[in-house]
Amino acid sequence: MVEKIVEIGILFDFYGKLLSESQYKIIEFYYIHDLSLGEIAEELGISRQGVYDTLKRAENKLYEYEETLGLVKKFNFTKEKIKTILKYSYEIEKNAEKLKHEYAKEQAQNIKKIALEILENDQEGI
């Protein structure tokens, strides 16, 4: 269940605004605020079954959006590639320092700085 909560949370971060208002609220109440179906039904003035049906439709929509658009997959791919760039830039910087090659060291530091900025910006965007 924890895996599904995390998965829906990530999908919700990427695609939540594409859901209808009621789907958005129900996903938010259920997964973010950890309310029960009964509590959500009471809050929204609808039946528990109505909450359940809307929740399932919203979950399916989130999965459909990811299948169609693939933004989470692309985000994860990019993040891994940037981590690889960081790893290589650290190695280049270390070797340039050993060889006393200031220009290569500076360029590796520049690459590292840009990669870290991208990673930080991506984390804020979610």
N, C-alpha and C. Protein backbone atom coordinates (compact mmCIF):
# COMPACT_ATOMS: atom_id res chain seq x y z
N MET A 1 0.82 -1.20 0.00
CA MET A 1 0.00 0.00 0.00
C MET A 1 0.86 1.26 0.00
N VAL A 2 1.99 1.22 0.72
CA VAL A 2 2.87 2.39 0.78
C VAL A 2 3.39 2.74 -0.61
N GLU A 3 3.76 1.71 -1.38
CA GLU A 3 4.24 1.95 -2.74
C GLU A 3 3.19 2.67 -3.58
N LYS A 4 1.94 2.26 -3.44
CA LYS A 4 0.87 2.89 -4.21
C LYS A 4 0.68 4.34 -3.77
N ILE A 5 0.78 4.60 -2.48
CA ILE A 5 0.63 5.96 -1.97
C ILE A 5 1.70 6.86 -2.57
N VAL A 6 2.93 6.36 -2.59
CA VAL A 6 4.04 7.14 -3.16
C VAL A 6 3.83 7.33 -4.66
N GLU A 7 3.45 6.26 -5.34
CA GLU A 7 3.23 6.32 -6.79
C GLU A 7 2.12 7.32 -7.15
N ILE A 8 1.00 7.23 -6.46
CA ILE A 8 -0.11 8.16 -6.72
C ILE A 8 0.31 9.58 -6.36
N GLY A 9 1.07 9.73 -5.29
CA GLY A 9 1.56 11.06 -4.90
C GLY A 9 2.40 11.70 -5.98
N ILE A 10 3.28 10.92 -6.57
CA ILE A 10 4.14 11.45 -7.64
C ILE A 10 3.29 11.78 -8.87
N LEU A 11 2.42 10.86 -9.25
CA LEU A 11 1.54 11.12 -10.40
C LEU A 11 0.67 12.35 -10.16
N PHE A 12 0.20 12.50 -8.93
CA PHE A 12 -0.63 13.64 -8.56
C PHE A 12 0.17 14.94 -8.69
N ASP A 13 1.44 14.92 -8.29
CA ASP A 13 2.29 16.10 -8.43
C ASP A 13 2.41 16.52 -9.89
N PHE A 14 2.54 15.55 -10.77
CA PHE A 14 2.72 15.85 -12.19
C PHE A 14 1.42 16.16 -12.90
N TYR A 15 0.36 15.42 -12.59
CA TYR A 15 -0.86 15.49 -13.40
C TYR A 15 -2.12 15.92 -12.64
N GLY A 16 -1.99 16.21 -11.35
CA GLY A 16 -3.17 16.52 -10.55
C GLY A 16 -4.04 17.63 -11.11
N LYS A 17 -3.42 18.64 -11.67
CA LYS A 17 -4.18 19.78 -12.20
C LYS A 17 -4.99 19.42 -13.45
N LEU A 18 -4.73 18.24 -14.01
CA LEU A 18 -5.50 17.80 -15.18
C LEU A 18 -6.79 17.09 -14.78
N LEU A 19 -6.91 16.77 -13.51
CA LEU A 19 -8.11 16.10 -13.01
C LEU A 19 -9.25 17.10 -12.86
N SER A 20 -10.48 16.58 -12.79
CA SER A 20 -11.61 17.46 -12.49
C SER A 20 -11.45 17.95 -11.06
N GLU A 21 -12.16 18.98 -10.71
CA GLU A 21 -12.06 19.55 -9.36
C GLU A 21 -12.40 18.52 -8.28
N SER A 22 -13.46 17.75 -8.50
CA SER A 22 -13.85 16.75 -7.50
C SER A 22 -12.82 15.62 -7.41
N GLN A 23 -12.29 15.19 -8.55
CA GLN A 23 -11.26 14.16 -8.53
C GLN A 23 -10.01 14.67 -7.79
N TYR A 24 -9.64 15.90 -8.07
CA TYR A 24 -8.48 16.50 -7.43
C TYR A 24 -8.65 16.52 -5.91
N LYS A 25 -9.80 17.01 -5.47
CA LYS A 25 -10.06 17.10 -4.02
C LYS A 25 -10.03 15.74 -3.36
N ILE A 26 -10.65 14.76 -3.99
CA ILE A 26 -10.73 13.42 -3.39
C ILE A 26 -9.35 12.77 -3.31
N ILE A 27 -8.55 12.90 -4.36
CA ILE A 27 -7.18 12.37 -4.31
C ILE A 27 -6.40 13.08 -3.21
N GLU A 28 -6.54 14.38 -3.15
CA GLU A 28 -5.82 15.17 -2.13
C GLU A 28 -6.24 14.75 -0.72
N PHE A 29 -7.55 14.66 -0.49
CA PHE A 29 -8.03 14.28 0.84
C PHE A 29 -7.57 12.87 1.21
N TYR A 30 -7.65 11.95 0.26
CA TYR A 30 -7.37 10.55 0.56
C TYR A 30 -5.86 10.28 0.69
N TYR A 31 -5.09 10.75 -0.28
CA TYR A 31 -3.66 10.41 -0.29
C TYR A 31 -2.78 11.42 0.44
N ILE A 32 -3.14 12.68 0.39
CA ILE A 32 -2.29 13.70 1.01
C ILE A 32 -2.68 13.92 2.47
N HIS A 33 -3.98 14.05 2.72
CA HIS A 33 -4.45 14.34 4.08
C HIS A 33 -4.86 13.08 4.85
N ASP A 34 -4.78 11.93 4.19
CA ASP A 34 -5.04 10.63 4.82
C ASP A 34 -6.43 10.52 5.46
N LEU A 35 -7.43 11.10 4.80
CA LEU A 35 -8.80 10.97 5.29
C LEU A 35 -9.41 9.66 4.78
N SER A 36 -10.32 9.11 5.53
CA SER A 36 -11.02 7.89 5.11
C SER A 36 -12.08 8.25 4.08
N LEU A 37 -12.60 7.24 3.40
CA LEU A 37 -13.67 7.48 2.43
C LEU A 37 -14.88 8.12 3.11
N GLY A 38 -15.20 7.64 4.31
CA GLY A 38 -16.33 8.20 5.05
C GLY A 38 -16.13 9.65 5.42
N GLU A 39 -14.91 9.99 5.84
CA GLU A 39 -14.61 11.39 6.20
C GLU A 39 -14.69 12.29 4.98
N ILE A 40 -14.20 11.80 3.85
CA ILE A 40 -14.27 12.59 2.61
C ILE A 40 -15.72 12.77 2.18
N ALA A 41 -16.51 11.70 2.28
CA ALA A 41 -17.93 11.77 1.92
C ALA A 41 -18.64 12.82 2.76
N GLU A 42 -18.35 12.82 4.04
CA GLU A 42 -18.97 13.80 4.94
C GLU A 42 -18.53 15.21 4.59
N GLU A 43 -17.24 15.38 4.32
CA GLU A 43 -16.69 16.70 3.98
C GLU A 43 -17.30 17.25 2.69
N LEU A 44 -17.50 16.38 1.70
CA LEU A 44 -17.99 16.82 0.39
C LEU A 44 -19.50 16.70 0.24
N GLY A 45 -20.15 16.06 1.20
CA GLY A 45 -21.60 15.91 1.13
C GLY A 45 -22.06 14.95 0.06
N ILE A 46 -21.27 13.88 -0.17
CA ILE A 46 -21.65 12.85 -1.13
C ILE A 46 -21.55 11.49 -0.44
N SER A 47 -22.01 10.47 -1.13
CA SER A 47 -21.97 9.13 -0.53
C SER A 47 -20.55 8.58 -0.50
N ARG A 48 -20.34 7.62 0.38
CA ARG A 48 -19.05 6.95 0.47
C ARG A 48 -18.75 6.24 -0.85
N GLN A 49 -19.77 5.65 -1.46
CA GLN A 49 -19.62 4.97 -2.75
C GLN A 49 -19.23 5.97 -3.83
N GLY A 50 -19.81 7.16 -3.78
CA GLY A 50 -19.46 8.22 -4.74
C GLY A 50 -18.00 8.62 -4.61
N VAL A 51 -17.53 8.70 -3.38
CA VAL A 51 -16.12 9.02 -3.14
C VAL A 51 -15.24 7.91 -3.71
N TYR A 52 -15.59 6.67 -3.42
CA TYR A 52 -14.81 5.52 -3.89
C TYR A 52 -14.74 5.50 -5.42
N ASP A 53 -15.90 5.67 -6.07
CA ASP A 53 -15.94 5.64 -7.53
C ASP A 53 -15.09 6.77 -8.13
N THR A 54 -15.20 7.96 -7.57
CA THR A 54 -14.43 9.10 -8.06
C THR A 54 -12.95 8.90 -7.82
N LEU A 55 -12.60 8.33 -6.68
CA LEU A 55 -11.21 8.04 -6.36
C LEU A 55 -10.61 7.08 -7.38
N LYS A 56 -11.33 6.00 -7.68
CA LYS A 56 -10.83 5.02 -8.64
C LYS A 56 -10.71 5.62 -10.05
N ARG A 57 -11.69 6.43 -10.45
CA ARG A 57 -11.61 7.08 -11.76
C ARG A 57 -10.41 8.02 -11.82
N ALA A 58 -10.19 8.76 -10.73
CA ALA A 58 -9.07 9.69 -10.68
C ALA A 58 -7.73 8.95 -10.74
N GLU A 59 -7.61 7.87 -9.99
CA GLU A 59 -6.39 7.06 -10.03
C GLU A 59 -6.12 6.56 -11.44
N ASN A 60 -7.17 6.04 -12.09
CA ASN A 60 -7.03 5.55 -13.46
C ASN A 60 -6.60 6.66 -14.42
N LYS A 61 -7.16 7.85 -14.21
CA LYS A 61 -6.79 9.00 -15.05
C LYS A 61 -5.31 9.33 -14.89
N LEU A 62 -4.84 9.32 -13.64
CA LEU A 62 -3.42 9.63 -13.40
C LEU A 62 -2.52 8.63 -14.12
N TYR A 63 -2.89 7.35 -14.03
CA TYR A 63 -2.11 6.31 -14.73
C TYR A 63 -2.18 6.50 -16.25
N GLU A 64 -3.36 6.86 -16.76
CA GLU A 64 -3.51 7.10 -18.20
C GLU A 64 -2.66 8.27 -18.66
N TYR A 65 -2.65 9.35 -17.86
CA TYR A 65 -1.83 10.51 -18.22
C TYR A 65 -0.36 10.12 -18.31
N GLU A 66 0.11 9.34 -17.35
CA GLU A 66 1.52 8.93 -17.37
C GLU A 66 1.79 8.02 -18.56
N GLU A 67 0.86 7.13 -18.86
CA GLU A 67 1.05 6.23 -20.01
C GLU A 67 1.12 7.03 -21.31
N THR A 68 0.31 8.07 -21.42
CA THR A 68 0.26 8.87 -22.63
C THR A 68 1.42 9.86 -22.70
N LEU A 69 1.66 10.59 -21.61
CA LEU A 69 2.65 11.67 -21.63
C LEU A 69 4.04 11.25 -21.14
N GLY A 70 4.09 10.33 -20.20
CA GLY A 70 5.36 9.82 -19.71
C GLY A 70 6.25 10.82 -19.00
N LEU A 71 5.67 11.84 -18.39
CA LEU A 71 6.48 12.88 -17.75
C LEU A 71 7.27 12.37 -16.56
N VAL A 72 6.70 11.49 -15.77
CA VAL A 72 7.41 10.94 -14.61
C VAL A 72 8.59 10.10 -15.09
N LYS A 73 8.35 9.29 -16.09
CA LYS A 73 9.43 8.46 -16.64
C LYS A 73 10.55 9.33 -17.19
N LYS A 74 10.19 10.38 -17.93
CA LYS A 74 11.20 11.29 -18.49
C LYS A 74 11.95 12.02 -17.38
N PHE A 75 11.22 12.44 -16.35
CA PHE A 75 11.84 13.12 -15.22
C PHE A 75 12.86 12.21 -14.55
N ASN A 76 12.48 10.97 -14.28
CA ASN A 76 13.38 10.02 -13.62
C ASN A 76 14.60 9.71 -14.49
N PHE A 77 14.40 9.57 -15.79
CA PHE A 77 15.50 9.32 -16.72
C PHE A 77 16.49 10.49 -16.69
N THR A 78 15.97 11.70 -16.80
CA THR A 78 16.81 12.89 -16.79
C THR A 78 17.57 13.02 -15.48
N LYS A 79 16.89 12.76 -14.39
CA LYS A 79 17.53 12.84 -13.07
C LYS A 79 18.70 11.86 -12.97
N GLU A 80 18.52 10.65 -13.45
CA GLU A 80 19.60 9.66 -13.41
C GLU A 80 20.77 10.07 -14.30
N LYS A 81 20.48 10.62 -15.47
CA LYS A 81 21.55 11.07 -16.37
C LYS A 81 22.33 12.24 -15.75
N ILE A 82 21.65 13.13 -15.08
CA ILE A 82 22.33 14.25 -14.44
C ILE A 82 23.20 13.76 -13.28
N LYS A 83 22.73 12.75 -12.56
CA LYS A 83 23.56 12.16 -11.51
C LYS A 83 24.83 11.55 -12.10
N THR A 84 24.72 10.95 -13.28
CA THR A 84 25.89 10.39 -13.95
C THR A 84 26.85 11.51 -14.36
N ILE A 85 26.31 12.60 -14.87
CA ILE A 85 27.14 13.75 -15.23
C ILE A 85 27.88 14.27 -13.99
N LEU A 86 27.18 14.34 -12.87
CA LEU A 86 27.81 14.78 -11.62
C LEU A 86 28.96 13.85 -11.23
N LYS A 87 28.73 12.57 -11.34
CA LYS A 87 29.76 11.59 -10.98
C LYS A 87 31.01 11.80 -11.84
N TYR A 88 30.81 11.96 -13.15
CA TYR A 88 31.96 12.16 -14.04
C TYR A 88 32.65 13.51 -13.76
N SER A 89 31.87 14.53 -13.48
CA SER A 89 32.48 15.84 -13.22
C SER A 89 33.33 15.80 -11.95
N TYR A 90 32.86 15.06 -10.93
CA TYR A 90 33.68 14.89 -9.72
C TYR A 90 34.99 14.19 -10.05
N GLU A 91 34.92 13.14 -10.86
CA GLU A 91 36.13 12.40 -11.24
C GLU A 91 37.09 13.28 -12.04
N ILE A 92 36.57 14.05 -12.98
CA ILE A 92 37.41 14.93 -13.79
C ILE A 92 38.06 15.99 -12.90
N GLU A 93 37.27 16.56 -12.00
CA GLU A 93 37.81 17.58 -11.09
C GLU A 93 38.94 17.00 -10.23
N LYS A 94 38.72 15.81 -9.70
CA LYS A 94 39.73 15.17 -8.85
C LYS A 94 41.01 14.90 -9.65
N ASN A 95 40.86 14.36 -10.85
CA ASN A 95 42.03 14.07 -11.68
C ASN A 95 42.73 15.34 -12.15
N ALA A 96 41.97 16.36 -12.47
CA ALA A 96 42.57 17.64 -12.89
C ALA A 96 43.37 18.26 -11.75
N GLU A 97 42.86 18.10 -10.54
CA GLU A 97 43.57 18.62 -9.38
C GLU A 97 44.90 17.88 -9.19
N LYS A 98 44.87 16.55 -9.33
CA LYS A 98 46.11 15.75 -9.22
C LYS A 98 47.13 16.17 -10.28
N LEU A 99 46.63 16.44 -11.50
CA LEU A 99 47.52 16.81 -12.60
C LEU A 99 47.83 18.30 -12.64
N LYS A 100 47.26 19.04 -11.67
CA LYS A 100 47.45 20.49 -11.58
C LYS A 100 47.02 21.19 -12.88
N HIS A 101 45.88 20.75 -13.38
CA HIS A 101 45.31 21.34 -14.60
C HIS A 101 44.11 22.20 -14.19
N GLU A 102 44.40 23.49 -13.94
CA GLU A 102 43.39 24.41 -13.41
C GLU A 102 42.18 24.59 -14.34
N TYR A 103 42.44 24.71 -15.63
CA TYR A 103 41.33 24.93 -16.58
C TYR A 103 40.36 23.75 -16.55
N ALA A 104 40.86 22.54 -16.62
CA ALA A 104 39.99 21.35 -16.59
C ALA A 104 39.24 21.27 -15.26
N LYS A 105 39.91 21.62 -14.18
CA LYS A 105 39.28 21.61 -12.86
C LYS A 105 38.13 22.62 -12.81
N GLU A 106 38.38 23.82 -13.31
CA GLU A 106 37.34 24.86 -13.32
C GLU A 106 36.14 24.44 -14.18
N GLN A 107 36.42 23.85 -15.33
CA GLN A 107 35.33 23.42 -16.21
C GLN A 107 34.51 22.30 -15.56
N ALA A 108 35.18 21.38 -14.89
CA ALA A 108 34.47 20.32 -14.17
C ALA A 108 33.60 20.90 -13.07
N GLN A 109 34.12 21.91 -12.38
CA GLN A 109 33.33 22.58 -11.34
C GLN A 109 32.12 23.29 -11.93
N ASN A 110 32.29 23.90 -13.10
CA ASN A 110 31.17 24.56 -13.78
C ASN A 110 30.09 23.55 -14.17
N ILE A 111 30.52 22.42 -14.70
CA ILE A 111 29.56 21.36 -15.07
C ILE A 111 28.83 20.87 -13.83
N LYS A 112 29.56 20.65 -12.76
CA LYS A 112 28.98 20.18 -11.51
C LYS A 112 27.95 21.19 -10.98
N LYS A 113 28.30 22.47 -11.05
CA LYS A 113 27.39 23.52 -10.57
C LYS A 113 26.09 23.53 -11.37
N ILE A 114 26.21 23.44 -12.67
CA ILE A 114 25.01 23.45 -13.53
C ILE A 114 24.15 22.22 -13.27
N ALA A 115 24.77 21.06 -13.16
CA ALA A 115 24.02 19.82 -12.90
C ALA A 115 23.29 19.89 -11.56
N LEU A 116 23.96 20.42 -10.54
CA LEU A 116 23.31 20.57 -9.23
C LEU A 116 22.14 21.55 -9.28
N GLU A 117 22.30 22.63 -10.04
CA GLU A 117 21.20 23.60 -10.20
C GLU A 117 20.00 22.94 -10.87
N ILE A 118 20.25 22.12 -11.88
CA ILE A 118 19.16 21.43 -12.57
C ILE A 118 18.44 20.50 -11.61
N LEU A 119 19.21 19.72 -10.84
CA LEU A 119 18.59 18.79 -9.88
C LEU A 119 17.78 19.55 -8.84
N GLU A 120 18.31 20.63 -8.32
CA GLU A 120 17.57 21.42 -7.32
C GLU A 120 16.32 22.02 -7.91
N ASN A 121 16.41 22.54 -9.13
CA ASN A 121 15.25 23.14 -9.79
C ASN A 121 14.18 22.10 -10.06
N ASP A 122 14.58 20.89 -10.46
CA ASP A 122 13.61 19.82 -10.72
C ASP A 122 12.88 19.44 -9.45
N GLN A 123 13.59 19.42 -8.32
CA GLN A 123 12.95 19.05 -7.05
C GLN A 123 11.94 20.10 -6.62
N GLU A 124 12.22 21.37 -6.90
CA GLU A 124 11.29 22.44 -6.56
C GLU A 124 10.06 22.39 -7.44
N GLY A 125 10.23 21.97 -8.69
CA GLY A 125 9.13 21.96 -9.64
C GLY A 125 8.07 20.93 -9.38
N ILE A 126 8.39 19.95 -8.58
CA ILE A 126 7.44 18.87 -8.32
C ILE A 126 6.45 19.28 -7.27
